[in-house]
Amino acid sequence: MPLIPEEPQIHESAQGPRVTPASGRTTPTPRPVPGPRPAAPPRPGRPGPARPTPPAQRTPREPAVKPGPSTPAASGPSAAASAPAGAVASVPQIQLIPASAEGALDAAEEAVDLLLDSGRAPGEVLVITTGDPHPWATHELSFGDASYWAQHDAGDDVFYADAAALGRAASRPVVVVAVNGGSEETAVGALPTALTRAGALLIVCGDPQRINAMLGAGV
């Protein structure tokens, strides 16, 4: 029988070095580039053109925000012009807003809101407390006495002060006094002084009988 030649065997060629696909390469992680540091957060507080840290929206209490008829502090015409500190150049009107010692500060805040809503400029209003200071005053005094009184001197916003510091406060067209505690001596002394600081209107929030007695004793 004729021999069938064997089919040539195909040998695998020697494999060269393997090439790792580009997709398999490990890409180094880029380092983050630091950006500019964020600015320091603004200091909380009330002053500035906008009324700082206003209280939460409250439903106005009709008896508190609609006091009875104004009564003159003494005989003589009333005037809207501010008098120099320590001098009574005009006789402002007095309005009483009935409130307990605990609610006097809230009543004063509502009175301020109504004054601003009616067109009064914030810089025309001074608020005095006879007991615990207003939270805004406490906050601003934490930055120093000079910074606190600089905002008073700027006169571009409502200013809150303790009755003990009333002698340092300048006159403003409207002064609101919150009789929210404190000693009787402090309250009795604050009202006559507040009357001299009010150019057109003095609003007193507290117990009406006590306030009338104090005004009678101090004026």
N, C-alpha and C. Protein backbone atom coordinates (compact mmCIF):
# COMPACT_ATOMS: atom_id res chain seq x y z
N MET A 1 0.85 -1.19 0.00
CA MET A 1 0.00 0.00 0.00
C MET A 1 0.88 1.24 0.00
N PRO A 2 0.43 2.19 -0.80
CA PRO A 2 1.25 3.42 -0.82
C PRO A 2 1.14 4.13 0.50
N LEU A 3 2.22 4.61 0.89
CA LEU A 3 2.23 5.33 2.16
C LEU A 3 1.69 6.74 1.97
N ILE A 4 0.77 7.09 2.88
CA ILE A 4 0.21 8.46 2.85
C ILE A 4 1.12 9.37 3.65
N PRO A 5 1.63 10.30 2.94
CA PRO A 5 2.57 11.17 3.69
C PRO A 5 1.86 11.85 4.86
N GLU A 6 2.57 11.87 5.92
CA GLU A 6 1.99 12.52 7.11
C GLU A 6 1.84 14.01 6.88
N GLU A 7 0.72 14.47 7.40
CA GLU A 7 0.49 15.91 7.31
C GLU A 7 1.47 16.68 8.19
N PRO A 8 1.96 17.68 7.62
CA PRO A 8 2.94 18.44 8.43
C PRO A 8 2.29 19.00 9.70
N GLN A 9 2.99 18.84 10.74
CA GLN A 9 2.48 19.37 12.02
C GLN A 9 2.82 20.85 12.14
N ILE A 10 1.82 21.56 12.63
CA ILE A 10 1.99 23.01 12.82
C ILE A 10 2.35 23.26 14.27
N HIS A 11 3.49 23.80 14.45
CA HIS A 11 3.96 24.10 15.83
C HIS A 11 3.67 25.55 16.17
N GLU A 12 3.24 25.70 17.41
CA GLU A 12 2.97 27.08 17.84
C GLU A 12 4.28 27.84 17.91
N SER A 13 4.15 29.05 17.37
CA SER A 13 5.34 29.90 17.43
C SER A 13 5.56 30.39 18.85
N ALA A 14 6.78 30.62 19.14
CA ALA A 14 7.08 31.12 20.50
C ALA A 14 6.43 32.48 20.72
N GLN A 15 5.77 32.54 21.82
CA GLN A 15 5.07 33.79 22.13
C GLN A 15 6.04 34.85 22.65
N GLY A 16 5.86 36.05 22.13
CA GLY A 16 6.69 37.16 22.60
C GLY A 16 6.17 37.72 23.90
N PRO A 17 6.74 38.76 24.30
CA PRO A 17 6.27 39.37 25.57
C PRO A 17 4.85 39.89 25.43
N ARG A 18 4.08 39.62 26.45
CA ARG A 18 2.68 40.06 26.45
C ARG A 18 2.60 41.56 26.69
N VAL A 19 1.67 42.15 25.94
CA VAL A 19 1.46 43.59 26.09
C VAL A 19 0.19 43.82 26.88
N THR A 20 0.31 44.49 27.94
CA THR A 20 -0.88 44.78 28.76
C THR A 20 -1.69 45.87 28.10
N PRO A 21 -2.97 45.60 27.86
CA PRO A 21 -3.79 46.64 27.21
C PRO A 21 -3.72 47.94 28.00
N ALA A 22 -3.89 48.99 27.23
CA ALA A 22 -3.83 50.31 27.89
C ALA A 22 -4.90 50.47 28.95
N SER A 23 -6.04 49.80 28.64
CA SER A 23 -7.13 49.94 29.60
C SER A 23 -6.83 49.29 30.92
N GLY A 24 -5.87 48.40 30.93
CA GLY A 24 -5.55 47.71 32.17
C GLY A 24 -4.56 48.44 33.04
N ARG A 25 -4.02 49.54 32.51
CA ARG A 25 -3.05 50.28 33.31
C ARG A 25 -3.73 50.96 34.50
N THR A 26 -3.00 51.04 35.52
CA THR A 26 -3.52 51.71 36.73
C THR A 26 -3.19 53.19 36.65
N THR A 27 -4.24 54.03 36.55
CA THR A 27 -4.03 55.47 36.44
C THR A 27 -3.86 56.08 37.84
N PRO A 28 -2.77 56.76 38.02
CA PRO A 28 -2.58 57.34 39.38
C PRO A 28 -3.68 58.32 39.70
N THR A 29 -4.14 58.28 40.95
CA THR A 29 -5.22 59.18 41.40
C THR A 29 -4.68 60.60 41.53
N PRO A 30 -5.29 61.56 40.82
CA PRO A 30 -4.76 62.95 40.91
C PRO A 30 -4.98 63.51 42.30
N ARG A 31 -4.03 64.26 42.73
CA ARG A 31 -4.14 64.89 44.04
C ARG A 31 -5.10 66.06 43.98
N PRO A 32 -5.94 66.20 44.98
CA PRO A 32 -6.87 67.35 44.94
C PRO A 32 -6.11 68.66 45.05
N VAL A 33 -6.56 69.60 44.27
CA VAL A 33 -5.94 70.93 44.29
C VAL A 33 -6.67 71.78 45.33
N PRO A 34 -5.98 72.22 46.34
CA PRO A 34 -6.70 73.03 47.36
C PRO A 34 -7.21 74.32 46.76
N GLY A 35 -8.46 74.61 47.07
CA GLY A 35 -9.07 75.86 46.61
C GLY A 35 -8.97 76.92 47.68
N PRO A 36 -9.55 78.06 47.42
CA PRO A 36 -9.50 79.14 48.43
C PRO A 36 -10.29 78.77 49.65
N ARG A 37 -9.82 79.17 50.80
CA ARG A 37 -10.52 78.87 52.06
C ARG A 37 -11.81 79.66 52.13
N PRO A 38 -12.86 79.03 52.60
CA PRO A 38 -14.13 79.79 52.68
C PRO A 38 -14.00 80.95 53.64
N ALA A 39 -14.74 82.00 53.33
CA ALA A 39 -14.71 83.17 54.20
C ALA A 39 -15.31 82.83 55.55
N ALA A 40 -14.89 83.54 56.57
CA ALA A 40 -15.41 83.31 57.91
C ALA A 40 -16.89 83.60 57.93
N PRO A 41 -17.69 82.77 58.62
CA PRO A 41 -19.14 83.01 58.66
C PRO A 41 -19.44 84.34 59.30
N PRO A 42 -20.48 85.03 58.83
CA PRO A 42 -20.80 86.34 59.41
C PRO A 42 -21.18 86.23 60.86
N ARG A 43 -20.84 87.23 61.63
CA ARG A 43 -21.16 87.24 63.04
C ARG A 43 -22.64 87.44 63.23
N PRO A 44 -23.29 86.49 63.95
CA PRO A 44 -24.73 86.69 64.15
C PRO A 44 -25.00 87.90 65.01
N GLY A 45 -26.15 88.44 64.86
CA GLY A 45 -26.49 89.61 65.65
C GLY A 45 -27.53 90.44 64.96
N ARG A 46 -28.03 91.41 65.63
CA ARG A 46 -29.10 92.17 65.05
C ARG A 46 -28.66 93.29 64.14
N PRO A 47 -27.75 94.21 64.52
CA PRO A 47 -27.58 95.39 63.71
C PRO A 47 -27.11 95.11 62.33
N GLY A 48 -27.30 96.11 61.54
CA GLY A 48 -27.19 96.09 60.11
C GLY A 48 -28.46 96.69 59.60
N PRO A 49 -28.56 96.95 58.34
CA PRO A 49 -29.80 97.54 57.81
C PRO A 49 -31.01 96.68 58.12
N ALA A 50 -30.83 95.34 58.07
CA ALA A 50 -31.97 94.48 58.37
C ALA A 50 -32.02 94.27 59.87
N ARG A 51 -33.21 94.13 60.42
CA ARG A 51 -33.34 93.95 61.85
C ARG A 51 -32.78 92.59 62.22
N PRO A 52 -31.72 92.51 62.99
CA PRO A 52 -31.00 91.31 63.34
C PRO A 52 -31.76 90.48 64.26
N THR A 53 -31.70 89.21 64.08
CA THR A 53 -32.28 88.19 64.90
C THR A 53 -33.68 88.51 65.33
N PRO A 54 -34.56 88.72 64.41
CA PRO A 54 -35.92 89.07 64.82
C PRO A 54 -36.59 87.88 65.47
N PRO A 55 -37.47 88.10 66.39
CA PRO A 55 -38.17 86.98 67.01
C PRO A 55 -39.05 86.28 66.00
N ALA A 56 -39.39 85.05 66.32
CA ALA A 56 -40.25 84.29 65.42
C ALA A 56 -41.57 85.02 65.24
N GLN A 57 -42.17 84.75 64.07
CA GLN A 57 -43.43 85.43 63.79
C GLN A 57 -44.45 85.08 64.86
N ARG A 58 -45.02 86.12 65.42
CA ARG A 58 -46.02 85.92 66.46
C ARG A 58 -47.35 86.51 66.01
N THR A 59 -48.39 85.95 66.48
CA THR A 59 -49.71 86.53 66.22
C THR A 59 -49.90 87.69 67.16
N PRO A 60 -50.04 88.90 66.64
CA PRO A 60 -50.15 90.07 67.53
C PRO A 60 -51.30 89.93 68.48
N ARG A 61 -51.04 90.30 69.70
CA ARG A 61 -52.09 90.29 70.72
C ARG A 61 -52.78 91.63 70.69
N GLU A 62 -54.06 91.63 70.41
CA GLU A 62 -54.78 92.88 70.23
C GLU A 62 -54.67 93.81 71.43
N PRO A 63 -54.87 93.31 72.68
CA PRO A 63 -54.79 94.26 73.79
C PRO A 63 -53.40 94.87 73.94
N ALA A 64 -52.34 94.08 73.53
CA ALA A 64 -50.99 94.56 73.75
C ALA A 64 -50.56 95.57 72.72
N VAL A 65 -51.03 95.41 71.50
CA VAL A 65 -50.54 96.29 70.44
C VAL A 65 -51.48 97.45 70.18
N LYS A 66 -52.60 97.47 70.83
CA LYS A 66 -53.53 98.59 70.68
C LYS A 66 -53.79 99.19 72.05
N PRO A 67 -52.82 99.96 72.58
CA PRO A 67 -53.01 100.53 73.92
C PRO A 67 -54.09 101.59 73.91
N GLY A 68 -54.44 101.98 75.09
CA GLY A 68 -55.48 103.00 75.26
C GLY A 68 -54.98 104.34 74.78
N PRO A 69 -55.79 105.35 74.92
CA PRO A 69 -55.40 106.68 74.43
C PRO A 69 -54.16 107.19 75.13
N SER A 70 -53.39 107.93 74.38
CA SER A 70 -52.15 108.48 74.92
C SER A 70 -52.47 109.58 75.90
N THR A 71 -51.62 109.69 76.90
CA THR A 71 -51.80 110.74 77.88
C THR A 71 -50.53 111.56 77.95
N PRO A 72 -50.63 112.87 77.99
CA PRO A 72 -49.41 113.69 78.08
C PRO A 72 -48.76 113.52 79.44
N ALA A 73 -47.45 113.58 79.44
CA ALA A 73 -46.72 113.41 80.70
C ALA A 73 -46.86 114.66 81.56
N ALA A 74 -47.03 115.79 80.96
CA ALA A 74 -47.19 117.03 81.71
C ALA A 74 -47.88 118.03 80.81
N SER A 75 -48.32 119.14 81.39
CA SER A 75 -49.01 120.13 80.58
C SER A 75 -48.05 120.75 79.58
N GLY A 76 -48.57 121.07 78.39
CA GLY A 76 -47.73 121.66 77.37
C GLY A 76 -47.91 120.92 76.08
N PRO A 77 -47.58 121.50 74.94
CA PRO A 77 -47.77 120.86 73.65
C PRO A 77 -46.76 119.76 73.44
N SER A 78 -47.16 118.76 72.66
CA SER A 78 -46.24 117.68 72.31
C SER A 78 -45.56 118.04 71.01
N ALA A 79 -44.38 117.47 70.81
CA ALA A 79 -43.63 117.74 69.59
C ALA A 79 -42.91 116.49 69.19
N ALA A 80 -42.58 116.38 67.90
CA ALA A 80 -41.93 115.19 67.39
C ALA A 80 -40.43 115.32 67.36
N ALA A 81 -39.89 116.49 67.60
CA ALA A 81 -38.45 116.66 67.51
C ALA A 81 -37.78 116.06 68.72
N SER A 82 -36.57 115.51 68.52
CA SER A 82 -35.82 114.92 69.62
C SER A 82 -35.19 116.02 70.45
N ALA A 83 -35.16 115.80 71.75
CA ALA A 83 -34.52 116.77 72.64
C ALA A 83 -33.13 116.30 72.96
N PRO A 84 -32.19 117.20 73.23
CA PRO A 84 -30.85 116.80 73.62
C PRO A 84 -30.90 115.98 74.89
N ALA A 85 -29.90 115.09 75.06
CA ALA A 85 -29.87 114.24 76.24
C ALA A 85 -29.85 115.09 77.49
N GLY A 86 -30.73 114.72 78.43
CA GLY A 86 -30.77 115.40 79.71
C GLY A 86 -31.63 116.65 79.73
N ALA A 87 -32.24 116.99 78.59
CA ALA A 87 -33.06 118.20 78.55
C ALA A 87 -34.43 117.85 78.00
N VAL A 88 -35.47 118.45 78.57
CA VAL A 88 -36.82 118.22 78.13
C VAL A 88 -37.24 119.41 77.27
N ALA A 89 -37.02 119.29 75.97
CA ALA A 89 -37.38 120.37 75.07
C ALA A 89 -38.81 120.24 74.58
N SER A 90 -39.38 119.07 74.71
CA SER A 90 -40.76 118.84 74.31
C SER A 90 -41.36 117.81 75.25
N VAL A 91 -42.66 117.72 75.23
CA VAL A 91 -43.35 116.77 76.11
C VAL A 91 -43.88 115.63 75.26
N PRO A 92 -43.25 114.48 75.32
CA PRO A 92 -43.73 113.36 74.50
C PRO A 92 -45.01 112.77 75.06
N GLN A 93 -45.72 112.08 74.22
CA GLN A 93 -46.90 111.35 74.66
C GLN A 93 -46.47 110.04 75.30
N ILE A 94 -47.32 109.53 76.18
CA ILE A 94 -47.03 108.27 76.87
C ILE A 94 -48.14 107.28 76.54
N GLN A 95 -47.75 106.10 76.13
CA GLN A 95 -48.70 105.00 75.89
C GLN A 95 -48.33 103.84 76.81
N LEU A 96 -49.35 103.27 77.44
CA LEU A 96 -49.15 102.13 78.31
C LEU A 96 -49.67 100.87 77.63
N ILE A 97 -48.86 99.82 77.63
CA ILE A 97 -49.28 98.53 77.10
C ILE A 97 -49.31 97.55 78.27
N PRO A 98 -50.50 97.12 78.69
CA PRO A 98 -50.58 96.20 79.83
C PRO A 98 -49.84 94.89 79.54
N ALA A 99 -49.02 94.48 80.47
CA ALA A 99 -48.27 93.23 80.33
C ALA A 99 -47.72 92.83 81.68
N SER A 100 -47.56 91.54 81.88
CA SER A 100 -46.91 91.05 83.09
C SER A 100 -45.41 91.26 82.95
N ALA A 101 -44.70 91.08 84.06
CA ALA A 101 -43.24 91.21 84.00
C ALA A 101 -42.64 90.20 83.03
N GLU A 102 -43.25 89.00 83.00
CA GLU A 102 -42.74 87.96 82.11
C GLU A 102 -43.06 88.25 80.64
N GLY A 103 -44.15 88.96 80.38
CA GLY A 103 -44.54 89.23 79.00
C GLY A 103 -44.20 90.63 78.52
N ALA A 104 -43.55 91.44 79.37
CA ALA A 104 -43.26 92.83 79.00
C ALA A 104 -42.32 92.92 77.81
N LEU A 105 -41.32 92.04 77.74
CA LEU A 105 -40.36 92.11 76.64
C LEU A 105 -41.01 91.72 75.32
N ASP A 106 -41.88 90.71 75.35
CA ASP A 106 -42.60 90.33 74.13
C ASP A 106 -43.52 91.48 73.67
N ALA A 107 -44.18 92.12 74.63
CA ALA A 107 -45.05 93.25 74.28
C ALA A 107 -44.24 94.38 73.67
N ALA A 108 -43.04 94.61 74.20
CA ALA A 108 -42.18 95.66 73.65
C ALA A 108 -41.76 95.32 72.22
N GLU A 109 -41.45 94.04 71.96
CA GLU A 109 -41.06 93.63 70.61
C GLU A 109 -42.22 93.84 69.63
N GLU A 110 -43.43 93.53 70.07
CA GLU A 110 -44.59 93.73 69.21
C GLU A 110 -44.81 95.22 68.93
N ALA A 111 -44.57 96.05 69.94
CA ALA A 111 -44.70 97.49 69.74
C ALA A 111 -43.67 97.99 68.72
N VAL A 112 -42.45 97.45 68.80
CA VAL A 112 -41.41 97.83 67.83
C VAL A 112 -41.80 97.41 66.43
N ASP A 113 -42.33 96.20 66.30
CA ASP A 113 -42.75 95.72 64.98
C ASP A 113 -43.81 96.65 64.39
N LEU A 114 -44.77 97.07 65.23
CA LEU A 114 -45.80 97.97 64.74
C LEU A 114 -45.23 99.33 64.35
N LEU A 115 -44.29 99.81 65.12
CA LEU A 115 -43.66 101.10 64.79
C LEU A 115 -42.97 101.04 63.43
N LEU A 116 -42.23 99.96 63.19
CA LEU A 116 -41.52 99.82 61.93
C LEU A 116 -42.50 99.63 60.77
N ASP A 117 -43.56 98.86 61.02
CA ASP A 117 -44.56 98.64 59.97
C ASP A 117 -45.28 99.94 59.62
N SER A 118 -45.39 100.84 60.60
CA SER A 118 -46.10 102.09 60.36
C SER A 118 -45.22 103.14 59.69
N GLY A 119 -43.94 102.81 59.46
CA GLY A 119 -43.06 103.73 58.75
C GLY A 119 -41.94 104.33 59.56
N ARG A 120 -41.85 104.01 60.84
CA ARG A 120 -40.76 104.52 61.65
C ARG A 120 -39.44 103.89 61.18
N ALA A 121 -38.39 104.68 61.10
CA ALA A 121 -37.07 104.15 60.76
C ALA A 121 -36.51 103.41 61.97
N PRO A 122 -35.81 102.30 61.77
CA PRO A 122 -35.27 101.56 62.92
C PRO A 122 -34.40 102.41 63.83
N GLY A 123 -33.65 103.35 63.25
CA GLY A 123 -32.78 104.19 64.06
C GLY A 123 -33.50 105.18 64.94
N GLU A 124 -34.83 105.28 64.81
CA GLU A 124 -35.61 106.21 65.63
C GLU A 124 -36.11 105.57 66.92
N VAL A 125 -35.79 104.28 67.13
CA VAL A 125 -36.39 103.54 68.24
C VAL A 125 -35.30 103.08 69.21
N LEU A 126 -35.52 103.34 70.48
CA LEU A 126 -34.66 102.87 71.57
C LEU A 126 -35.50 102.01 72.50
N VAL A 127 -35.01 100.83 72.85
CA VAL A 127 -35.74 99.92 73.74
C VAL A 127 -34.93 99.75 75.03
N ILE A 128 -35.61 99.95 76.17
CA ILE A 128 -34.97 99.85 77.47
C ILE A 128 -35.60 98.71 78.26
N THR A 129 -34.78 97.93 78.94
CA THR A 129 -35.28 96.85 79.79
C THR A 129 -34.88 97.14 81.24
N THR A 130 -35.82 96.91 82.17
CA THR A 130 -35.52 97.15 83.58
C THR A 130 -35.03 95.89 84.28
N GLY A 131 -35.33 94.72 83.70
CA GLY A 131 -34.90 93.45 84.28
C GLY A 131 -33.81 92.82 83.44
N ASP A 132 -34.05 91.58 83.02
CA ASP A 132 -33.06 90.90 82.18
C ASP A 132 -32.86 91.67 80.88
N PRO A 133 -31.63 91.79 80.41
CA PRO A 133 -31.39 92.51 79.16
C PRO A 133 -31.97 91.77 77.97
N HIS A 134 -32.21 92.48 76.89
CA HIS A 134 -32.68 91.86 75.66
C HIS A 134 -31.59 90.92 75.14
N PRO A 135 -31.98 89.77 74.57
CA PRO A 135 -30.96 88.82 74.06
C PRO A 135 -29.99 89.46 73.06
N TRP A 136 -30.47 90.40 72.27
CA TRP A 136 -29.58 91.05 71.31
C TRP A 136 -28.48 91.83 72.05
N ALA A 137 -28.87 92.55 73.09
CA ALA A 137 -27.88 93.32 73.85
C ALA A 137 -26.85 92.39 74.49
N THR A 138 -27.32 91.28 75.04
CA THR A 138 -26.41 90.32 75.66
C THR A 138 -25.42 89.79 74.63
N HIS A 139 -25.92 89.48 73.45
CA HIS A 139 -25.06 88.94 72.39
C HIS A 139 -24.02 89.97 71.95
N GLU A 140 -24.46 91.19 71.69
CA GLU A 140 -23.53 92.21 71.19
C GLU A 140 -22.51 92.63 72.24
N LEU A 141 -22.90 92.64 73.49
CA LEU A 141 -21.95 93.00 74.55
C LEU A 141 -20.85 91.95 74.70
N SER A 142 -21.12 90.72 74.23
CA SER A 142 -20.08 89.69 74.30
C SER A 142 -18.90 90.02 73.40
N PHE A 143 -19.08 90.94 72.44
CA PHE A 143 -17.99 91.35 71.56
C PHE A 143 -17.27 92.60 72.08
N GLY A 144 -17.72 93.09 73.21
CA GLY A 144 -17.04 94.23 73.81
C GLY A 144 -17.93 95.45 73.91
N ASP A 145 -17.67 96.23 74.94
CA ASP A 145 -18.47 97.43 75.20
C ASP A 145 -18.33 98.46 74.08
N ALA A 146 -17.13 98.60 73.54
CA ALA A 146 -16.90 99.61 72.50
C ALA A 146 -17.68 99.28 71.24
N SER A 147 -17.67 98.01 70.84
CA SER A 147 -18.41 97.60 69.64
C SER A 147 -19.90 97.79 69.82
N TYR A 148 -20.38 97.49 71.02
CA TYR A 148 -21.80 97.61 71.33
C TYR A 148 -22.26 99.07 71.21
N TRP A 149 -21.54 99.98 71.83
CA TRP A 149 -21.95 101.38 71.82
C TRP A 149 -21.67 102.05 70.47
N ALA A 150 -20.75 101.49 69.69
CA ALA A 150 -20.53 102.02 68.35
C ALA A 150 -21.79 101.85 67.50
N GLN A 151 -22.51 100.76 67.72
CA GLN A 151 -23.76 100.55 66.99
C GLN A 151 -24.83 101.54 67.46
N HIS A 152 -24.80 101.89 68.73
CA HIS A 152 -25.71 102.92 69.23
C HIS A 152 -25.41 104.26 68.56
N ASP A 153 -24.13 104.60 68.48
CA ASP A 153 -23.74 105.89 67.91
C ASP A 153 -24.04 105.96 66.41
N ALA A 154 -23.98 104.80 65.73
CA ALA A 154 -24.29 104.78 64.30
C ALA A 154 -25.74 105.17 64.05
N GLY A 155 -26.63 104.77 64.97
CA GLY A 155 -28.03 105.19 64.90
C GLY A 155 -28.78 104.72 63.67
N ASP A 156 -28.42 103.55 63.13
CA ASP A 156 -29.11 103.08 61.93
C ASP A 156 -29.99 101.87 62.19
N ASP A 157 -30.18 101.51 63.46
CA ASP A 157 -31.04 100.38 63.77
C ASP A 157 -31.62 100.53 65.17
N VAL A 158 -32.63 99.71 65.47
CA VAL A 158 -33.19 99.68 66.82
C VAL A 158 -32.07 99.33 67.80
N PHE A 159 -32.01 100.04 68.91
CA PHE A 159 -30.96 99.79 69.89
C PHE A 159 -31.60 99.36 71.20
N TYR A 160 -31.02 98.31 71.80
CA TYR A 160 -31.53 97.77 73.06
C TYR A 160 -30.50 98.02 74.16
N ALA A 161 -30.96 98.56 75.28
CA ALA A 161 -30.06 98.88 76.37
C ALA A 161 -30.72 98.56 77.71
N ASP A 162 -29.88 98.30 78.69
CA ASP A 162 -30.36 98.07 80.05
C ASP A 162 -30.65 99.41 80.71
N ALA A 163 -31.57 99.40 81.65
CA ALA A 163 -31.94 100.65 82.33
C ALA A 163 -30.75 101.29 83.02
N ALA A 164 -29.80 100.47 83.49
CA ALA A 164 -28.63 101.01 84.16
C ALA A 164 -27.76 101.84 83.22
N ALA A 165 -27.86 101.57 81.90
CA ALA A 165 -27.05 102.30 80.91
C ALA A 165 -27.84 103.40 80.22
N LEU A 166 -29.04 103.68 80.70
CA LEU A 166 -29.90 104.64 80.02
C LEU A 166 -29.29 106.04 80.00
N GLY A 167 -28.53 106.38 81.04
CA GLY A 167 -27.92 107.70 81.08
C GLY A 167 -26.93 107.93 79.95
N ARG A 168 -26.41 106.85 79.36
CA ARG A 168 -25.44 106.97 78.26
C ARG A 168 -26.14 107.02 76.90
N ALA A 169 -27.40 106.65 76.86
CA ALA A 169 -28.12 106.59 75.59
C ALA A 169 -28.54 107.98 75.15
N ALA A 170 -28.48 108.22 73.85
CA ALA A 170 -28.91 109.50 73.29
C ALA A 170 -30.41 109.49 73.05
N SER A 171 -30.96 110.66 72.83
CA SER A 171 -32.40 110.79 72.57
C SER A 171 -32.76 110.19 71.23
N ARG A 172 -33.97 109.63 71.17
CA ARG A 172 -34.54 109.14 69.93
C ARG A 172 -36.02 109.51 69.91
N PRO A 173 -36.62 109.60 68.74
CA PRO A 173 -38.04 109.99 68.69
C PRO A 173 -38.94 109.09 69.51
N VAL A 174 -38.66 107.79 69.54
CA VAL A 174 -39.51 106.85 70.27
C VAL A 174 -38.64 106.03 71.22
N VAL A 175 -39.08 105.95 72.47
CA VAL A 175 -38.42 105.10 73.46
C VAL A 175 -39.46 104.10 73.97
N VAL A 176 -39.09 102.83 73.97
CA VAL A 176 -39.96 101.76 74.48
C VAL A 176 -39.31 101.18 75.72
N VAL A 177 -40.04 101.17 76.82
CA VAL A 177 -39.53 100.63 78.08
C VAL A 177 -40.28 99.35 78.41
N ALA A 178 -39.54 98.26 78.60
CA ALA A 178 -40.13 96.99 79.03
C ALA A 178 -39.85 96.83 80.52
N VAL A 179 -40.89 96.95 81.34
CA VAL A 179 -40.74 96.77 82.78
C VAL A 179 -40.82 95.27 83.04
N ASN A 180 -39.70 94.59 82.77
CA ASN A 180 -39.67 93.12 82.82
C ASN A 180 -38.95 92.61 84.06
N GLY A 181 -39.09 93.34 85.14
CA GLY A 181 -38.46 92.92 86.39
C GLY A 181 -37.49 93.98 86.87
N GLY A 182 -36.53 93.52 87.65
CA GLY A 182 -35.57 94.45 88.23
C GLY A 182 -36.11 95.05 89.52
N SER A 183 -35.26 95.79 90.18
CA SER A 183 -35.67 96.39 91.45
C SER A 183 -36.61 97.55 91.21
N GLU A 184 -37.37 97.87 92.23
CA GLU A 184 -38.30 99.00 92.15
C GLU A 184 -37.54 100.30 91.94
N GLU A 185 -36.39 100.40 92.58
CA GLU A 185 -35.59 101.62 92.43
C GLU A 185 -35.12 101.80 90.99
N THR A 186 -34.73 100.69 90.34
CA THR A 186 -34.27 100.77 88.95
C THR A 186 -35.40 101.23 88.03
N ALA A 187 -36.57 100.62 88.22
CA ALA A 187 -37.70 100.96 87.37
C ALA A 187 -38.17 102.39 87.59
N VAL A 188 -38.23 102.81 88.86
CA VAL A 188 -38.68 104.17 89.17
C VAL A 188 -37.72 105.19 88.57
N GLY A 189 -36.43 104.90 88.60
CA GLY A 189 -35.47 105.83 88.04
C GLY A 189 -35.42 105.81 86.53
N ALA A 190 -35.77 104.66 85.92
CA ALA A 190 -35.67 104.53 84.46
C ALA A 190 -36.75 105.32 83.74
N LEU A 191 -37.97 105.34 84.26
CA LEU A 191 -39.07 105.96 83.53
C LEU A 191 -38.89 107.47 83.34
N PRO A 192 -38.55 108.24 84.37
CA PRO A 192 -38.36 109.68 84.14
C PRO A 192 -37.21 109.95 83.16
N THR A 193 -36.13 109.15 83.25
CA THR A 193 -35.02 109.35 82.33
C THR A 193 -35.42 108.98 80.91
N ALA A 194 -36.18 107.90 80.78
CA ALA A 194 -36.66 107.51 79.45
C ALA A 194 -37.54 108.59 78.85
N LEU A 195 -38.30 109.28 79.71
CA LEU A 195 -39.17 110.35 79.25
C LEU A 195 -38.36 111.50 78.63
N THR A 196 -37.20 111.76 79.21
CA THR A 196 -36.35 112.83 78.66
C THR A 196 -35.65 112.40 77.37
N ARG A 197 -35.55 111.09 77.13
CA ARG A 197 -34.90 110.60 75.92
C ARG A 197 -35.88 110.45 74.75
N ALA A 198 -37.17 110.49 75.05
CA ALA A 198 -38.19 110.30 74.01
C ALA A 198 -38.56 111.64 73.40
N GLY A 199 -38.33 111.78 72.11
CA GLY A 199 -38.65 113.04 71.46
C GLY A 199 -40.13 113.22 71.19
N ALA A 200 -40.83 112.12 70.84
CA ALA A 200 -42.24 112.23 70.49
C ALA A 200 -43.13 111.26 71.26
N LEU A 201 -42.61 110.07 71.56
CA LEU A 201 -43.48 109.04 72.12
C LEU A 201 -42.70 108.15 73.08
N LEU A 202 -43.29 107.91 74.24
CA LEU A 202 -42.76 106.95 75.21
C LEU A 202 -43.78 105.84 75.38
N ILE A 203 -43.38 104.61 75.10
CA ILE A 203 -44.25 103.44 75.25
C ILE A 203 -43.71 102.62 76.42
N VAL A 204 -44.56 102.34 77.39
CA VAL A 204 -44.16 101.58 78.56
C VAL A 204 -44.98 100.29 78.62
N CYS A 205 -44.29 99.16 78.66
CA CYS A 205 -44.95 97.85 78.71
C CYS A 205 -44.78 97.27 80.12
N GLY A 206 -45.91 97.02 80.78
CA GLY A 206 -45.85 96.48 82.13
C GLY A 206 -47.19 96.60 82.82
N ASP A 207 -47.16 96.47 84.13
CA ASP A 207 -48.38 96.56 84.92
C ASP A 207 -48.82 98.03 84.99
N PRO A 208 -50.02 98.37 84.48
CA PRO A 208 -50.42 99.78 84.42
C PRO A 208 -50.43 100.48 85.78
N GLN A 209 -50.96 99.82 86.82
CA GLN A 209 -51.01 100.45 88.13
C GLN A 209 -49.61 100.76 88.66
N ARG A 210 -48.71 99.80 88.46
CA ARG A 210 -47.34 100.01 88.93
C ARG A 210 -46.67 101.12 88.13
N ILE A 211 -46.92 101.14 86.83
CA ILE A 211 -46.30 102.15 85.98
C ILE A 211 -46.80 103.56 86.34
N ASN A 212 -48.12 103.68 86.53
CA ASN A 212 -48.68 104.98 86.91
C ASN A 212 -48.12 105.46 88.24
N ALA A 213 -47.95 104.53 89.16
CA ALA A 213 -47.39 104.89 90.45
C ALA A 213 -45.95 105.35 90.32
N MET A 214 -45.20 104.65 89.47
CA MET A 214 -43.80 105.02 89.29
C MET A 214 -43.66 106.35 88.56
N LEU A 215 -44.52 106.57 87.55
CA LEU A 215 -44.47 107.85 86.85
C LEU A 215 -44.85 109.00 87.78
N GLY A 216 -45.84 108.76 88.64
CA GLY A 216 -46.23 109.81 89.58
C GLY A 216 -45.13 110.13 90.57
N ALA A 217 -44.36 109.06 90.94
CA ALA A 217 -43.30 109.28 91.91
C ALA A 217 -42.06 109.89 91.27
N GLY A 218 -41.87 109.60 89.95
CA GLY A 218 -40.62 110.04 89.34
C GLY A 218 -40.72 111.28 88.52
N VAL A 219 -41.92 111.69 88.11
CA VAL A 219 -42.06 112.86 87.23
C VAL A 219 -42.44 114.07 88.05
